[in-house]
Amino acid sequence: FWFRDEFREDSRGRYWNVGSATITGGKYKIITNWYHNQFRQADLKNIDLSATFTPTLGTGTYYGYGLAFNIQDSHTTALPAATGKRYVVHTSSTGLSLVLCTPTAKTTLASIVAPTPPTTGTHTIRVTTNDSGEIVVYYDGEVVITHTDLTYTHGYVGFACGSTDGTGGYLEVDNLQFSGTRVYQKPIHRGAMLETYHDG
């Protein structure tokens, strides 16, 4: 399965929890604190997921942004919180963390100080996984986290925003791309095993 969204058209129907987000100037624009979106069409393993983020800070506390993957429920949050079942790569004001979320706990598996602050400029975050449970996180093309965990081996993907910081803040997301092996929950015919989905 392969997918790319450059947000050249109104593609919000492909995501869950769209709310007040808009497609503006070829960017997916989020203007609400603690906001998340989830691509709801594919349960994947062995993923390669990436997106470009441009935060504009307002007045208030910085809460970060990032990617979620191996989400177990197709209608749950992509935020780094003790709800649902998933992994989240999320920024702080100075770095990134890889977080394991379960229904009862939020556990930071690894964290780093970013080479350049996530709060200013445009940054690309990428995550890859494999059958051995290895999770590799890239920040602006550089490997910054490598960690192995087998708690969740497949699931849905999404992105999250908490960086709007009150009045005047927003987050722009662009060039969302991901690929992976689709996980089917029931037998299907052979012809449905290969799928390609491209928007660009």
Protein backbone atom coordinates (compact mmCIF):
# COMPACT_ATOMS: atom_id res chain seq x y z
CA PHE A 1 0.00 0.00 0.00
CA TRP A 2 1.35 3.44 -0.93
CA PHE A 3 -0.19 6.85 -0.38
CA ARG A 4 0.82 10.48 -0.86
CA ASP A 5 -1.19 13.61 -0.15
CA GLU A 6 0.21 16.97 -1.26
CA PHE A 7 -3.06 18.69 -0.31
CA ARG A 8 -3.60 20.25 -3.71
CA GLU A 9 -7.31 19.49 -3.40
CA ASP A 10 -9.77 19.11 -0.55
CA SER A 11 -8.82 15.63 0.71
CA ARG A 12 -10.20 15.98 4.23
CA GLY A 13 -12.70 13.15 3.63
CA ARG A 14 -9.82 10.66 3.78
CA TYR A 15 -9.12 11.49 7.43
CA TRP A 16 -10.93 11.03 10.71
CA ASN A 17 -11.45 13.94 13.15
CA VAL A 18 -11.05 16.69 10.57
CA GLY A 19 -13.04 19.28 12.54
CA SER A 20 -12.05 22.84 11.69
CA ALA A 21 -8.95 21.96 9.66
CA THR A 22 -8.71 23.55 6.20
CA ILE A 23 -6.77 22.99 2.98
CA THR A 24 -5.09 26.35 2.36
CA GLY A 25 -2.35 27.11 -0.17
CA GLY A 26 -1.54 23.43 -0.68
CA LYS A 27 -1.20 22.81 3.06
CA TYR A 28 -3.35 21.04 5.63
CA LYS A 29 -3.90 23.82 8.21
CA ILE A 30 -4.77 22.99 11.82
CA ILE A 31 -5.82 25.83 14.12
CA THR A 32 -7.12 23.99 17.20
CA ASN A 33 -5.10 22.93 20.27
CA TRP A 34 -4.67 19.19 20.84
CA TYR A 35 -5.95 18.25 17.44
CA HIS A 36 -5.39 15.00 15.61
CA ASN A 37 -6.10 13.41 12.24
CA GLN A 38 -6.00 9.78 11.26
CA PHE A 39 -5.92 8.19 7.81
CA ARG A 40 -8.71 5.68 8.15
CA GLN A 41 -8.43 3.47 5.07
CA ALA A 42 -5.47 1.19 5.81
CA ASP A 43 -4.21 -1.07 8.63
CA LEU A 44 -0.47 -1.41 7.86
CA LYS A 45 2.75 -3.06 9.05
CA ASN A 46 6.37 -2.43 7.99
CA ILE A 47 5.56 1.22 7.42
CA ASP A 48 7.48 4.17 6.03
CA LEU A 49 5.63 7.30 7.18
CA SER A 50 6.64 10.95 6.77
CA ALA A 51 5.25 14.47 6.71
CA THR A 52 6.49 18.05 6.68
CA PHE A 53 5.40 20.41 9.47
CA THR A 54 5.54 24.21 9.70
CA PRO A 55 4.40 25.60 13.08
CA THR A 56 3.43 29.21 13.65
CA LEU A 57 3.33 29.85 17.37
CA GLY A 58 0.75 31.96 19.13
CA THR A 59 0.50 33.04 22.75
CA GLY A 60 0.50 30.22 25.28
CA THR A 61 2.18 26.93 26.11
CA TYR A 62 3.95 24.92 23.41
CA TYR A 63 2.51 21.40 23.06
CA GLY A 64 4.22 20.08 19.94
CA TYR A 65 3.23 18.08 16.85
CA GLY A 66 4.13 14.76 15.29
CA LEU A 67 3.20 11.41 13.77
CA ALA A 68 1.26 8.44 15.14
CA PHE A 69 1.52 4.86 13.87
CA ASN A 70 0.43 1.31 14.64
CA ILE A 71 -2.82 2.80 15.96
CA GLN A 72 -5.00 -0.14 16.96
CA ASP A 73 -8.41 1.54 16.71
CA SER A 74 -9.48 3.21 13.47
CA HIS A 75 -11.34 5.89 15.47
CA THR A 76 -9.03 6.81 18.33
CA THR A 77 -6.72 9.70 19.12
CA ALA A 78 -3.28 10.19 17.55
CA LEU A 79 -2.10 12.26 20.51
CA PRO A 80 0.63 11.20 22.99
CA ALA A 81 -1.75 10.36 25.85
CA ALA A 82 -2.70 7.42 28.09
CA THR A 83 -5.65 6.40 25.93
CA GLY A 84 -5.96 3.94 23.10
CA LYS A 85 -3.10 1.82 21.75
CA ARG A 86 -0.41 3.30 19.49
CA TYR A 87 3.05 4.85 19.13
CA VAL A 88 3.58 8.60 18.72
CA VAL A 89 6.65 10.56 17.66
CA HIS A 90 6.06 14.00 19.15
CA THR A 91 8.07 17.21 19.40
CA SER A 92 8.85 19.28 22.44
CA SER A 93 10.21 22.82 22.30
CA THR A 94 13.74 21.41 21.96
CA GLY A 95 13.51 17.83 20.68
CA LEU A 96 11.55 14.69 19.86
CA SER A 97 10.24 11.72 21.83
CA LEU A 98 9.07 8.25 20.86
CA VAL A 99 6.06 7.46 23.05
CA LEU A 100 4.18 4.19 23.63
CA CYS A 101 0.53 4.80 24.49
CA THR A 102 -1.70 2.21 26.16
CA PRO A 103 -5.15 2.57 27.71
CA THR A 104 -3.57 3.14 31.14
CA ALA A 105 -0.11 4.63 30.57
CA LYS A 106 2.05 6.88 28.39
CA THR A 107 5.67 5.64 28.30
CA THR A 108 8.55 7.54 26.70
CA LEU A 109 10.70 4.92 24.97
CA ALA A 110 13.38 7.33 23.73
CA SER A 111 13.96 11.06 23.42
CA ILE A 112 16.57 13.39 21.89
CA VAL A 113 17.47 17.06 21.60
CA ALA A 114 16.78 18.04 18.00
CA PRO A 115 19.61 19.42 15.84
CA THR A 116 17.38 22.47 15.19
CA PRO A 117 14.38 23.53 17.32
CA PRO A 118 11.01 22.10 16.16
CA THR A 119 9.31 25.37 17.14
CA THR A 120 10.63 27.41 14.20
CA GLY A 121 10.96 26.77 10.48
CA THR A 122 9.82 23.76 8.48
CA HIS A 123 10.75 20.22 9.53
CA THR A 124 10.22 16.72 8.15
CA ILE A 125 9.60 13.79 10.47
CA ARG A 126 9.84 10.24 9.16
CA VAL A 127 9.25 6.86 10.85
CA THR A 128 10.01 3.35 9.59
CA THR A 129 9.19 -0.01 11.21
CA ASN A 130 9.87 -3.66 10.43
CA ASP A 131 8.82 -7.16 11.51
CA SER A 132 11.58 -7.26 14.15
CA GLY A 133 9.99 -4.36 16.00
CA GLU A 134 12.69 -1.87 15.07
CA ILE A 135 11.43 1.72 14.98
CA VAL A 136 13.65 4.31 13.29
CA VAL A 137 12.85 8.03 13.57
CA TYR A 138 14.31 10.62 11.20
CA TYR A 139 14.33 14.39 11.72
CA ASP A 140 15.07 16.47 8.63
CA GLY A 141 16.64 13.43 6.97
CA GLU A 142 18.88 12.45 9.90
CA VAL A 143 18.37 9.31 12.01
CA VAL A 144 17.79 10.52 15.58
CA ILE A 145 16.10 7.56 17.33
CA THR A 146 16.41 3.80 16.87
CA HIS A 147 14.40 1.63 19.26
CA THR A 148 12.95 -1.88 19.32
CA ASP A 149 9.48 -2.60 20.72
CA LEU A 150 6.93 -5.25 19.73
CA THR A 151 3.91 -4.07 21.72
CA TYR A 152 2.00 -3.11 18.55
CA THR A 153 3.19 -4.50 15.22
CA HIS A 154 0.66 -2.95 12.83
CA GLY A 155 -2.16 -0.41 12.71
CA TYR A 156 -3.39 2.87 11.29
CA VAL A 157 -1.33 6.06 10.91
CA GLY A 158 -2.01 9.70 11.66
CA PHE A 159 -0.60 13.08 12.66
CA ALA A 160 -1.24 15.31 15.65
CA CYS A 161 -0.94 18.95 16.64
CA GLY A 162 -0.75 20.65 20.00
CA SER A 163 1.46 23.54 18.87
CA THR A 164 -1.13 26.23 18.20
CA ASP A 165 -0.41 27.85 21.56
CA GLY A 166 -3.62 29.79 21.89
CA THR A 167 -4.48 32.92 19.94
CA GLY A 168 -2.72 33.31 16.60
CA GLY A 169 -1.08 29.90 16.38
CA TYR A 170 -1.52 27.17 13.77
CA LEU A 171 0.24 24.20 12.17
CA GLU A 172 0.64 23.51 8.45
CA VAL A 173 1.17 19.92 7.28
CA ASP A 174 2.40 19.05 3.79
CA ASN A 175 3.64 16.12 1.72
CA LEU A 176 2.18 13.34 3.85
CA GLN A 177 3.51 10.02 2.53
CA PHE A 178 3.38 6.46 3.74
CA SER A 179 3.74 2.91 2.53
CA GLY A 180 3.46 -0.50 4.13
CA THR A 181 2.05 -3.99 3.94
CA ARG A 182 -1.69 -4.00 4.41
CA VAL A 183 -3.04 -6.21 7.21
CA TYR A 184 -6.33 -7.88 6.38
CA GLN A 185 -8.57 -9.11 9.16
CA LYS A 186 -10.40 -11.68 7.00
CA PRO A 187 -9.62 -13.75 3.88
CA ILE A 188 -9.83 -11.85 0.60
CA HIS A 189 -9.23 -12.69 -3.03
CA ARG A 190 -5.68 -12.51 -4.38
CA GLY A 191 -6.36 -9.53 -6.62
CA ALA A 192 -7.01 -7.23 -3.64
CA MET A 193 -3.58 -7.77 -2.08
CA LEU A 194 -1.81 -4.99 -3.99
CA GLU A 195 -3.14 -1.46 -3.67
CA THR A 196 -1.86 1.93 -4.64
CA TYR A 197 -3.42 5.23 -3.62
CA HIS A 198 -1.88 8.45 -4.93
CA ASP A 199 -2.96 12.04 -4.65
CA GLY A 200 -0.67 14.62 -6.06
